[in-house]
C-alpha cells in the first residue's frame, strides 16, 4: 500500500522553525501549527469526532480553518469542504448527499443551519477552542488511495456532485506543480482564493509538502494582494482573470518585487490585452487549466509562451496525460473534441454516484466535458464547456471565444455570453457586459465584434449589467445570466 508520512507532522519534524502561516494578526512556524493542530484534534475527539467519520467544514479563510482541516486529517476523517456562499437549501442538500456526521462552522453561518432537516451535528469553531481534551490516536501515515477531501462541483450544470479527492490526488498535484514551477528557498504563496475551493486547498497542501509559508487573506482585495507581493515576500499567487485585472488597475505604473516569480492564472482563457499589460509590467503569468476533479491544475502554460501561444492553457504537468476525443475517436492536431485527461491527480469519481462515475471515467481516462483542441506542438486550447456550446444554423459557437473578444475592448470590464432559442437558427448568442463607460453603446460593441469574429458569432443582443454572476472563486456562472433577461 502506498503511504506517506502525515504531511504537517512530518514537516514540523523536518523544518520546525520555518514559517508556515502568516496573517495580519499572527505568524506560526510549522512546529507551532502542528502543536495547535494536535490540541484541536484532541478537542474534536472530546466532542465526538472519530476516525472514519465524514465531517463537513463551512468556514472562511483563517488560521482556525487551517487548523481544522489538518486536525481532521490527524484524526482520519473524510472532510467535505462546503462553499461559504451556499444557500440554506444547497447546504442541506450537500450535507445529506455526503452523509456528513457533523458540520464544523463559524458563528456567522449558524442562522443558515438553524432549520428543520439538518440532521448533522453542528460544532461551532468559537466553542471548540474552549472544549476539554481527549486523547486520540493520530494518523501517522496517509494512504494515497484513501479519501481525504470531498468538494462539490460548482453546479454550473445540473445538481452538484461530490468529487472524491484522495491523499494521492493531492500529493501528485503538488508534485506535478513543483516539477513545473520549481521550488526556491524563499518561496511564499499568497492565498487569496477560498480554501473550500481546490485552488485554495491545494495551496495549503503544497505549503506543508514543500515546506513554504502561506500568507492568508480572508477575502480578495487587490490593494492587499499587491502590497503582499511588493513588500511581504510573496513569490507565487493563484488568481483568475478578473482578480488579475483588478490588481493591475490598482498597481498603475508601479511594478512588483523582482523576487515575484509566478502569477498562476486559472478560470479560463485570459484576454489578450491583459496578457500584454502583464508583459509590459514584467509580470510572469502562468496560464493553467484544471478543475476540482484534477485536484487543481493539470495543464500549465509557461510565461515564455503566453503571447506566442496566446489562448493556450499549455501542456500537461509531468505525471499527467491528455487527448482530444470525438465520438470515441482520438482527434488529430487542431481537430475539436472533448478534453480527456489521465493521471494520479485525477479523481476516482463522485461520492455515492456510481453511474456518474462510470460515465465520466473510462479505462482510467476522465472525460472533462470541456471542448478543445491540441496544436501540432502539443499545446492545449480550451474552447468551452460542452454544455455551454451554442449551435447556430449548424455552426458551433463557443461563448468563451466571444467573451475573449468582448474583453479585449478597452471599456469592457466583464463579459458573459449564452445562447437563446431562435426560430430561424436554432440558437443565437447574446452577451452581458460590465463597462466603465456609460456612453458605450450596443452598436459600438457589435461593430467592434464584427472586426474580430464571423457574423454569426456577433451577439444578437447586448445587455449592460453592474455585475455579472460569479461563484466564490470569481468563475462566471453563465446559467445565471438567463435570469437577467427582460421578462
Protein backbone atom coordinates (compact mmCIF):
# COMPACT_ATOMS: atom_id res chain seq x y z
CA UNK A 1 0.00 0.00 0.00
CA UNK A 2 1.40 3.40 -1.00
CA UNK A 3 1.73 5.67 2.01
CA UNK A 4 3.42 8.94 3.02
CA UNK A 5 4.12 10.27 6.50
CA UNK A 6 1.48 12.64 7.89
CA UNK A 7 2.31 15.80 5.95
CA UNK A 8 2.13 18.50 8.61
CA UNK A 9 3.55 16.32 11.38
CA UNK A 10 6.48 15.32 9.18
CA UNK A 11 7.05 18.91 8.06
CA UNK A 12 7.09 20.03 11.72
CA UNK A 13 9.75 17.37 12.38
CA UNK A 14 11.89 18.20 9.34
CA UNK A 15 11.80 22.00 9.45
CA UNK A 16 10.11 23.00 12.72
CA UNK A 17 11.25 26.63 12.74
CA UNK A 18 10.28 27.58 9.20
CA UNK A 19 7.30 29.90 8.91
CA UNK A 20 4.10 28.09 7.94
CA UNK A 21 1.31 30.66 8.14
CA UNK A 22 1.15 34.44 8.22
CA UNK A 23 -1.83 36.75 8.64
CA UNK A 24 -2.12 40.37 9.74
CA UNK A 25 -2.55 39.14 13.32
CA UNK A 26 -0.34 36.07 13.67
CA UNK A 27 2.75 34.23 12.43
CA UNK A 28 3.17 30.50 13.07
CA UNK A 29 6.06 28.12 12.43
CA UNK A 30 5.35 24.57 11.28
CA UNK A 31 6.08 23.34 14.82
CA UNK A 32 3.62 25.83 16.31
CA UNK A 33 0.97 24.95 13.74
CA UNK A 34 1.48 21.24 14.44
CA UNK A 35 1.08 21.80 18.18
CA UNK A 36 -2.13 23.77 17.63
CA UNK A 37 -3.46 21.03 15.37
CA UNK A 38 -2.70 18.37 17.97
CA UNK A 39 -4.73 20.32 20.52
CA UNK A 40 -7.60 20.85 18.07
CA UNK A 41 -7.58 17.12 17.31
CA UNK A 42 -7.99 16.29 21.00
CA UNK A 43 -10.77 18.85 21.39
CA UNK A 44 -12.63 17.44 18.39
CA UNK A 45 -12.15 13.94 19.81
CA UNK A 46 -13.78 15.04 23.06
CA UNK A 47 -16.68 16.47 21.04
CA UNK A 48 -17.26 13.11 19.38
CA UNK A 49 -15.36 13.30 16.09
CA UNK A 50 -13.75 9.92 15.38
CA UNK A 51 -11.74 8.06 12.79
CA UNK A 52 -13.82 7.16 9.71
CA UNK A 53 -16.39 9.93 10.13
CA UNK A 54 -17.46 12.24 7.33
CA UNK A 55 -17.18 15.82 8.56
CA UNK A 56 -18.29 18.92 6.67
CA UNK A 57 -16.49 22.25 7.13
CA UNK A 58 -18.24 25.57 6.47
CA UNK A 59 -15.71 28.33 7.13
CA UNK A 60 -13.86 31.22 5.53
CA UNK A 61 -10.08 31.58 5.18
CA UNK A 62 -8.40 31.78 8.57
CA UNK A 63 -5.75 30.12 10.72
CA UNK A 64 -8.60 28.36 12.52
CA UNK A 65 -9.79 26.83 9.25
CA UNK A 66 -6.28 25.55 8.52
CA UNK A 67 -6.14 24.01 12.00
CA UNK A 68 -9.49 22.30 11.49
CA UNK A 69 -8.52 20.93 8.05
CA UNK A 70 -5.27 19.40 9.39
CA UNK A 71 -6.84 18.22 12.65
CA UNK A 72 -9.40 16.22 10.70
CA UNK A 73 -6.55 14.56 8.79
CA UNK A 74 -4.83 13.78 12.09
CA UNK A 75 -7.99 12.02 13.30
CA UNK A 76 -8.55 10.27 9.98
CA UNK A 77 -11.89 11.51 8.67
CA UNK A 78 -13.25 12.36 5.23
CA UNK A 79 -13.55 16.15 5.03
CA UNK A 80 -16.28 17.84 2.97
CA UNK A 81 -15.35 21.43 2.11
CA UNK A 82 -18.56 23.45 1.78
CA UNK A 83 -18.80 26.62 -0.27
CA UNK A 84 -19.36 29.57 2.07
CA UNK A 85 -21.76 31.15 -0.45
CA UNK A 86 -24.25 28.29 -0.40
CA UNK A 87 -27.89 28.91 0.42
CA UNK A 88 -29.70 27.07 3.17
CA UNK A 89 -31.23 24.71 0.60
CA UNK A 90 -27.87 23.97 -1.04
CA UNK A 91 -26.18 23.33 2.30
CA UNK A 92 -28.89 20.93 3.38
CA UNK A 93 -28.66 19.06 0.06
CA UNK A 94 -24.88 18.64 0.24
CA UNK A 95 -24.89 17.60 3.90
CA UNK A 96 -27.40 14.88 3.09
CA UNK A 97 -25.74 13.83 -0.15
CA UNK A 98 -22.32 13.47 1.53
CA UNK A 99 -23.86 11.69 4.55
CA UNK A 100 -21.99 14.05 6.87
CA UNK A 101 -21.95 13.03 10.52
CA UNK A 102 -21.13 16.54 11.66
CA UNK A 103 -20.59 20.08 10.38
CA UNK A 104 -17.94 22.41 11.77
CA UNK A 105 -18.76 26.05 11.19
CA UNK A 106 -18.42 29.63 12.39
CA UNK A 107 -20.97 31.67 14.34
CA UNK A 108 -21.87 33.78 11.30
CA UNK A 109 -23.16 30.69 9.47
CA UNK A 110 -25.31 29.33 12.31
CA UNK A 111 -28.51 31.09 11.07
CA UNK A 112 -28.16 29.21 7.76
CA UNK A 113 -28.13 25.92 9.66
CA UNK A 114 -30.97 26.76 12.03
CA UNK A 115 -33.70 24.86 10.23
CA UNK A 116 -35.57 21.61 10.12
CA UNK A 117 -33.98 18.88 8.07
CA UNK A 118 -30.34 19.26 9.12
CA UNK A 119 -29.56 16.01 10.91
CA UNK A 120 -25.79 16.54 11.14
CA UNK A 121 -24.35 17.55 14.50
CA UNK A 122 -23.22 21.20 14.49
CA UNK A 123 -19.92 22.21 16.09
CA UNK A 124 -19.15 25.91 16.32
CA UNK A 125 -15.48 26.84 15.91
CA UNK A 126 -15.70 29.54 18.57
CA UNK A 127 -16.67 26.84 21.10
CA UNK A 128 -14.22 24.13 20.03
CA UNK A 129 -11.28 26.06 21.46
CA UNK A 130 -12.85 26.00 24.92
CA UNK A 131 -13.52 22.27 24.85
CA UNK A 132 -11.72 19.80 27.13
CA UNK A 133 -9.17 17.43 25.57
CA UNK A 134 -9.49 13.72 24.89
CA UNK A 135 -6.57 11.60 23.78
CA UNK A 136 -6.81 10.48 20.17
CA UNK A 137 -4.65 8.19 18.06
CA UNK A 138 -3.05 10.46 15.48
CA UNK A 139 -2.78 9.13 11.91
CA UNK A 140 0.96 8.75 11.32
CA UNK A 141 0.78 7.72 7.66
CA UNK A 142 -1.57 8.74 4.85
CA UNK A 143 -2.61 6.05 2.41
CA UNK A 144 -2.50 7.60 -1.05
CA UNK A 145 -5.58 5.57 -2.04
CA UNK A 146 -7.69 6.80 0.87
CA UNK A 147 -10.30 9.55 0.52
CA UNK A 148 -9.05 12.79 2.05
CA UNK A 149 -11.46 15.51 0.93
CA UNK A 150 -14.74 15.88 -0.93
CA UNK A 151 -15.64 19.01 -2.86
CA UNK A 152 -18.85 19.64 -4.69
CA UNK A 153 -18.68 20.87 -8.23
CA UNK A 154 -19.84 24.44 -8.65
CA UNK A 155 -23.14 23.28 -10.09
CA UNK A 156 -22.90 25.31 -13.28
CA UNK A 157 -24.79 22.44 -14.91
CA UNK A 158 -27.34 20.37 -13.02
CA UNK A 159 -27.01 19.13 -9.42
CA UNK A 160 -23.55 19.41 -7.85
CA UNK A 161 -21.62 16.16 -7.45
CA UNK A 162 -19.23 15.38 -4.61
CA UNK A 163 -15.77 14.99 -6.13
CA UNK A 164 -13.57 12.47 -4.33
CA UNK A 165 -10.02 13.69 -3.71
CA UNK A 166 -7.61 11.12 -2.30
CA UNK A 167 -4.39 11.82 -0.45
CA UNK A 168 -2.69 10.59 -3.62
CA UNK A 169 -4.57 13.14 -5.74
CA UNK A 170 -3.30 15.99 -3.55
CA UNK A 171 0.22 14.54 -3.35
CA UNK A 172 0.60 14.15 -7.11
CA UNK A 173 -0.99 17.53 -7.76
CA UNK A 174 1.68 19.11 -5.56
CA UNK A 175 4.38 17.01 -7.22
CA UNK A 176 3.25 17.92 -10.74
CA UNK A 177 3.16 21.60 -9.84
CA UNK A 178 6.64 21.69 -8.32
CA UNK A 179 8.13 19.78 -11.26
CA UNK A 180 6.74 22.54 -13.45
CA UNK A 181 7.32 25.68 -11.36
CA UNK A 182 10.37 24.56 -9.42
CA UNK A 183 10.97 25.46 -5.78
CA UNK A 184 13.05 28.21 -4.21
CA UNK A 185 14.19 28.57 -0.62
CA UNK A 186 12.44 31.95 -0.36
CA UNK A 187 9.14 30.86 -1.91
CA UNK A 188 5.97 32.16 -0.29
CA UNK A 189 2.44 31.56 -1.61
CA UNK A 190 -0.30 34.16 -1.24
CA UNK A 191 -3.74 32.62 -0.66
CA UNK A 192 -6.47 34.99 -1.85
CA UNK A 193 -8.78 32.24 -3.10
CA UNK A 194 -11.03 30.32 -0.66
CA UNK A 195 -9.79 27.13 0.98
CA UNK A 196 -13.13 25.45 0.27
CA UNK A 197 -12.18 25.59 -3.41
CA UNK A 198 -9.50 23.33 -4.87
CA UNK A 199 -7.28 26.24 -5.91
CA UNK A 200 -7.17 27.39 -2.28
CA UNK A 201 -6.92 23.98 -0.62
CA UNK A 202 -4.08 22.95 -2.94
CA UNK A 203 -2.04 25.90 -1.63
CA UNK A 204 -2.32 24.52 1.91
CA UNK A 205 -1.28 21.05 0.74
CA UNK A 206 1.74 22.43 -1.12
CA UNK A 207 2.77 24.51 1.88
CA UNK A 208 3.26 21.51 4.15
CA UNK A 209 4.64 19.24 1.42
CA UNK A 210 7.16 21.82 0.14
CA UNK A 211 7.86 23.49 3.47
CA UNK A 212 6.98 27.05 2.39
CA UNK A 213 4.87 29.70 4.12
CA UNK A 214 1.37 30.81 3.12
CA UNK A 215 0.11 34.35 3.61
CA UNK A 216 -3.64 34.23 4.18
CA UNK A 217 -6.20 36.82 3.14
CA UNK A 218 -9.74 36.11 4.32
CA UNK A 219 -11.11 37.58 1.11
CA UNK A 220 -9.63 39.02 -2.06
CA UNK A 221 -8.56 42.65 -2.03
CA UNK A 222 -6.45 43.89 -4.98
CA UNK A 223 -4.80 46.50 -2.76
CA UNK A 224 -3.80 43.95 -0.12
CA UNK A 225 -2.71 41.39 -2.72
CA UNK A 226 -0.45 43.95 -4.40
CA UNK A 227 1.01 45.02 -1.07
CA UNK A 228 1.84 41.41 -0.17
CA UNK A 229 3.63 40.88 -3.49
CA UNK A 230 5.56 44.14 -3.29
CA UNK A 231 6.51 44.20 0.39
CA UNK A 232 5.80 40.86 2.13
CA UNK A 233 7.96 38.42 0.18
CA UNK A 234 5.24 36.73 -1.87
CA UNK A 235 6.69 34.83 -4.84
CA UNK A 236 3.60 32.94 -6.06
CA UNK A 237 -0.11 33.77 -6.15
CA UNK A 238 -3.12 31.98 -7.66
CA UNK A 239 -5.77 34.17 -9.35
CA UNK A 240 -8.40 34.29 -12.11
CA UNK A 241 -8.56 36.93 -14.85
CA UNK A 242 -10.99 39.28 -13.08
CA UNK A 243 -8.79 39.34 -9.98
CA UNK A 244 -5.63 39.94 -12.01
CA UNK A 245 -7.31 42.75 -13.93
CA UNK A 246 -8.25 44.49 -10.67
CA UNK A 247 -4.72 44.07 -9.35
CA UNK A 248 -3.24 45.66 -12.47
CA UNK A 249 -5.65 48.61 -12.23
CA UNK A 250 -4.60 49.26 -8.64
CA UNK A 251 -0.92 48.68 -9.48
CA UNK A 252 -0.97 51.51 -12.04
CA UNK A 253 2.51 52.43 -13.24
CA UNK A 254 4.25 50.56 -10.42
CA UNK A 255 5.83 47.11 -10.68
CA UNK A 256 6.06 44.09 -8.42
CA UNK A 257 9.10 43.00 -6.46
CA UNK A 258 11.80 41.32 -8.61
CA UNK A 259 11.51 38.23 -6.38
CA UNK A 260 7.91 37.65 -7.51
CA UNK A 261 8.08 34.79 -10.00
CA UNK A 262 4.66 33.32 -10.70
CA UNK A 263 1.15 34.66 -11.31
CA UNK A 264 -0.74 31.36 -11.61
CA UNK A 265 -3.78 32.21 -13.72
CA UNK A 266 -6.77 29.86 -13.90
CA UNK A 267 -10.50 30.07 -14.51
CA UNK A 268 -10.43 30.21 -18.32
CA UNK A 269 -8.51 31.85 -21.16
CA UNK A 270 -7.04 35.27 -20.44
CA UNK A 271 -7.90 38.28 -22.63
CA UNK A 272 -5.06 39.26 -24.95
CA UNK A 273 -4.99 42.82 -23.62
CA UNK A 274 -4.49 41.51 -20.08
CA UNK A 275 -1.50 39.41 -21.12
CA UNK A 276 0.06 42.34 -22.95
CA UNK A 277 -0.38 44.50 -19.85
CA UNK A 278 1.33 41.84 -17.74
CA UNK A 279 4.22 41.57 -20.18
CA UNK A 280 4.69 45.34 -20.11
CA UNK A 281 4.87 45.22 -16.30
CA UNK A 282 7.20 42.18 -16.40
CA UNK A 283 4.67 40.00 -14.55
CA UNK A 284 5.31 36.26 -15.16
CA UNK A 285 1.88 34.78 -15.93
CA UNK A 286 1.43 31.01 -15.95
CA UNK A 287 -1.93 30.23 -17.57
CA UNK A 288 -3.49 26.99 -16.34
CA UNK A 289 -6.31 24.54 -16.95
CA UNK A 290 -7.69 22.41 -14.16
CA UNK A 291 -10.78 21.54 -12.16
CA UNK A 292 -11.97 20.05 -8.91
CA UNK A 293 -11.70 16.59 -10.46
CA UNK A 294 -7.98 17.04 -11.20
CA UNK A 295 -7.08 18.39 -7.74
CA UNK A 296 -6.16 21.81 -9.21
CA UNK A 297 -4.13 22.47 -12.38
CA UNK A 298 -3.37 19.63 -14.78
CA UNK A 299 -2.18 21.74 -17.74
CA UNK A 300 0.01 24.86 -17.48
CA UNK A 301 1.48 27.36 -19.95
CA UNK A 302 4.85 28.82 -19.07
CA UNK A 303 5.19 32.63 -19.39
CA UNK A 304 7.60 32.44 -22.34
CA UNK A 305 4.66 31.11 -24.40
CA UNK A 306 2.00 33.50 -23.07
CA UNK A 307 1.90 35.55 -26.27
CA UNK A 308 3.30 33.16 -28.89
CA UNK A 309 0.70 30.58 -27.78
CA UNK A 310 -1.98 33.13 -26.94
CA UNK A 311 -5.12 31.46 -25.67
CA UNK A 312 -3.42 28.15 -24.88
CA UNK A 313 -3.56 26.55 -21.44
CA UNK A 314 -0.22 24.86 -22.13
CA UNK A 315 0.92 21.25 -21.84
CA UNK A 316 0.10 18.59 -19.23
CA UNK A 317 2.04 18.58 -15.98
CA UNK A 318 4.63 15.82 -15.80
CA UNK A 319 2.58 12.98 -14.21
CA UNK A 320 -0.46 13.64 -16.42
CA UNK A 321 -1.68 12.99 -19.96
CA UNK A 322 -4.39 14.43 -22.18
CA UNK A 323 -6.02 13.80 -25.53
CA UNK A 324 -8.96 15.05 -27.54
CA UNK A 325 -11.83 12.69 -28.38
CA UNK A 326 -14.94 12.92 -30.51
CA UNK A 327 -17.46 10.11 -30.97
CA UNK A 328 -14.99 7.69 -29.42
CA UNK A 329 -12.16 8.60 -31.80
CA UNK A 330 -8.92 10.31 -30.79
CA UNK A 331 -8.64 13.56 -32.73
CA UNK A 332 -5.62 14.83 -34.61
CA UNK A 333 -3.98 18.25 -34.26
CA UNK A 334 -6.41 21.17 -34.47
CA UNK A 335 -9.49 18.89 -34.54
CA UNK A 336 -12.09 19.88 -31.94
CA UNK A 337 -13.43 17.43 -29.40
CA UNK A 338 -13.79 16.65 -25.71
CA UNK A 339 -10.76 17.12 -23.48
CA UNK A 340 -9.87 13.80 -21.81
CA UNK A 341 -7.22 13.57 -19.09
CA UNK A 342 -5.43 10.91 -17.08
CA UNK A 343 -3.04 10.96 -14.16
CA UNK A 344 -2.55 10.18 -10.46
CA UNK A 345 -4.00 13.60 -9.55
CA UNK A 346 -7.33 12.76 -11.23
CA UNK A 347 -10.31 11.83 -9.05
CA UNK A 348 -11.52 8.28 -8.53
CA UNK A 349 -15.06 9.53 -9.06
CA UNK A 350 -18.05 11.06 -7.33
CA UNK A 351 -19.12 10.12 -3.82
CA UNK A 352 -22.14 7.78 -3.83
CA UNK A 353 -22.59 8.38 -7.58
CA UNK A 354 -21.64 5.12 -9.28
CA UNK A 355 -23.41 5.85 -12.58
CA UNK A 356 -21.99 9.37 -12.89
CA UNK A 357 -18.53 7.99 -12.12
CA UNK A 358 -18.83 5.34 -14.83
CA UNK A 359 -19.99 7.99 -17.31
CA UNK A 360 -17.02 10.24 -16.56
CA UNK A 361 -14.15 7.77 -16.08
CA UNK A 362 -13.39 5.09 -18.65
CA UNK A 363 -10.23 2.96 -18.65
CA UNK A 364 -8.62 5.46 -16.29
CA UNK A 365 -9.37 8.47 -18.53
CA UNK A 366 -11.53 11.29 -17.17
CA UNK A 367 -13.92 12.92 -19.62
CA UNK A 368 -13.98 16.57 -18.61
CA UNK A 369 -17.00 17.77 -20.59
CA UNK A 370 -14.84 20.61 -21.91
CA UNK A 371 -14.25 21.20 -25.61
CA UNK A 372 -10.83 21.97 -27.02
CA UNK A 373 -8.05 21.03 -29.38
CA UNK A 374 -4.30 20.39 -29.36
CA UNK A 375 -1.99 22.10 -31.83
CA UNK A 376 0.86 20.36 -33.67
CA UNK A 377 3.26 21.08 -30.79
CA UNK A 378 1.01 19.58 -28.12
CA UNK A 379 -0.38 22.81 -26.63
CA UNK A 380 -3.97 22.60 -25.39
CA UNK A 381 -6.56 25.21 -26.35
CA UNK A 382 -9.75 25.15 -24.28
CA UNK A 383 -12.75 26.35 -26.27
CA UNK A 384 -15.62 25.93 -23.84
CA UNK A 385 -17.77 23.66 -21.77
CA UNK A 386 -19.68 21.23 -23.90
CA UNK A 387 -22.87 22.17 -22.06
CA UNK A 388 -22.33 25.87 -22.92
CA UNK A 389 -21.83 25.21 -26.63
CA UNK A 390 -24.15 27.28 -28.85
CA UNK A 391 -25.21 25.69 -32.14
CA UNK A 392 -26.49 28.29 -34.57
CA UNK A 393 -27.51 27.22 -38.05
CA UNK A 394 -25.33 24.14 -37.70
CA UNK A 395 -22.28 26.19 -36.69
CA UNK A 396 -20.59 25.68 -33.31
CA UNK A 397 -20.17 28.87 -31.30
CA UNK A 398 -18.03 28.86 -28.17
CA UNK A 399 -19.08 31.53 -25.63
CA UNK A 400 -15.52 31.83 -24.30
CA UNK A 401 -14.29 32.92 -27.73
CA UNK A 402 -16.80 35.77 -27.93
CA UNK A 403 -16.19 36.71 -24.29
CA UNK A 404 -12.48 36.99 -25.02
CA UNK A 405 -13.21 39.34 -27.92
CA UNK A 406 -15.52 41.47 -25.79
CA UNK A 407 -12.94 41.67 -23.01
CA UNK A 408 -10.35 42.91 -25.47
CA UNK A 409 -12.39 46.12 -25.78
CA UNK A 410 -10.71 48.70 -23.52
CA UNK A 411 -14.02 49.82 -21.99
CA UNK A 412 -15.43 46.38 -21.15
CA UNK A 413 -14.54 45.01 -17.71
CA UNK A 414 -16.58 41.79 -17.64
CA UNK A 415 -18.40 39.76 -20.29
CA UNK A 416 -20.64 36.72 -20.41
CA UNK A 417 -22.21 35.02 -23.44
CA UNK A 418 -25.02 32.49 -23.65
CA UNK A 419 -27.28 31.09 -26.35
CA UNK A 420 -31.03 31.64 -26.59
CA UNK A 421 -33.58 29.92 -28.80
CA UNK A 422 -34.21 31.30 -32.25
CA UNK A 423 -36.80 30.03 -34.74
CA UNK A 424 -34.60 30.53 -37.77
CA UNK A 425 -31.16 29.48 -36.50
CA UNK A 426 -31.99 27.21 -33.55
CA UNK A 427 -29.85 29.32 -31.23
CA UNK A 428 -28.17 32.72 -31.35
CA UNK A 429 -25.60 34.23 -28.97
CA UNK A 430 -26.40 37.14 -26.67
CA UNK A 431 -23.96 38.98 -24.42
CA UNK A 432 -23.93 40.61 -20.99
CA UNK A 433 -21.23 43.16 -20.24
CA UNK A 434 -20.00 45.38 -17.45
CA UNK A 435 -18.39 48.61 -18.64
CA UNK A 436 -16.73 51.63 -17.06
CA UNK A 437 -18.12 53.87 -19.82
CA UNK A 438 -21.84 54.57 -19.57
CA UNK A 439 -21.77 56.03 -23.08
CA UNK A 440 -20.64 52.77 -24.68
CA UNK A 441 -23.46 51.61 -26.93
CA UNK A 442 -24.66 48.25 -28.19
CA UNK A 443 -23.95 49.37 -31.77
CA UNK A 444 -20.33 50.25 -31.00
CA UNK A 445 -19.78 46.89 -29.30
CA UNK A 446 -21.28 44.96 -32.22
CA UNK A 447 -19.14 46.89 -34.68
CA UNK A 448 -16.10 46.07 -32.58
CA UNK A 449 -17.01 42.35 -32.61
CA UNK A 450 -17.57 42.40 -36.38
CA UNK A 451 -13.87 43.19 -36.86
CA UNK A 452 -12.80 40.10 -34.92
CA UNK A 453 -15.35 37.30 -35.38
CA UNK A 454 -17.60 35.91 -38.08
CA UNK A 455 -21.01 37.47 -38.48
CA UNK A 456 -22.89 34.52 -36.98
CA UNK A 457 -20.82 34.88 -33.78
CA UNK A 458 -21.76 38.52 -33.18
CA UNK A 459 -24.15 38.71 -30.21
CA UNK A 460 -27.75 39.31 -31.29
CA UNK A 461 -28.40 41.41 -28.19
CA UNK A 462 -26.13 43.05 -25.64
CA UNK A 463 -27.25 43.76 -22.09
CA UNK A 464 -25.44 46.03 -19.65
CA UNK A 465 -25.08 44.88 -16.03
CA UNK A 466 -23.47 46.37 -12.93
CA UNK A 467 -22.09 42.93 -12.01
CA UNK A 468 -22.05 39.52 -13.69
CA UNK A 469 -22.99 36.48 -11.58
CA UNK A 470 -19.96 34.59 -10.29
CA UNK A 471 -19.25 31.87 -7.76
CA UNK A 472 -16.93 32.15 -4.77
CA UNK A 473 -13.82 31.82 -6.92
CA UNK A 474 -14.97 34.50 -9.40
CA UNK A 475 -15.89 31.91 -12.01
CA UNK A 476 -18.59 33.18 -14.35
CA UNK A 477 -21.96 31.44 -13.88
CA UNK A 478 -23.37 31.53 -17.40
CA UNK A 479 -26.55 29.66 -16.46
CA UNK A 480 -27.44 32.52 -14.11
CA UNK A 481 -27.33 35.05 -16.95
CA UNK A 482 -30.71 33.82 -18.18
CA UNK A 483 -32.22 35.38 -15.05
CA UNK A 484 -31.13 38.83 -16.26
CA UNK A 485 -33.09 38.66 -19.49
CA UNK A 486 -36.01 41.10 -19.68
CA UNK A 487 -39.30 39.32 -18.97
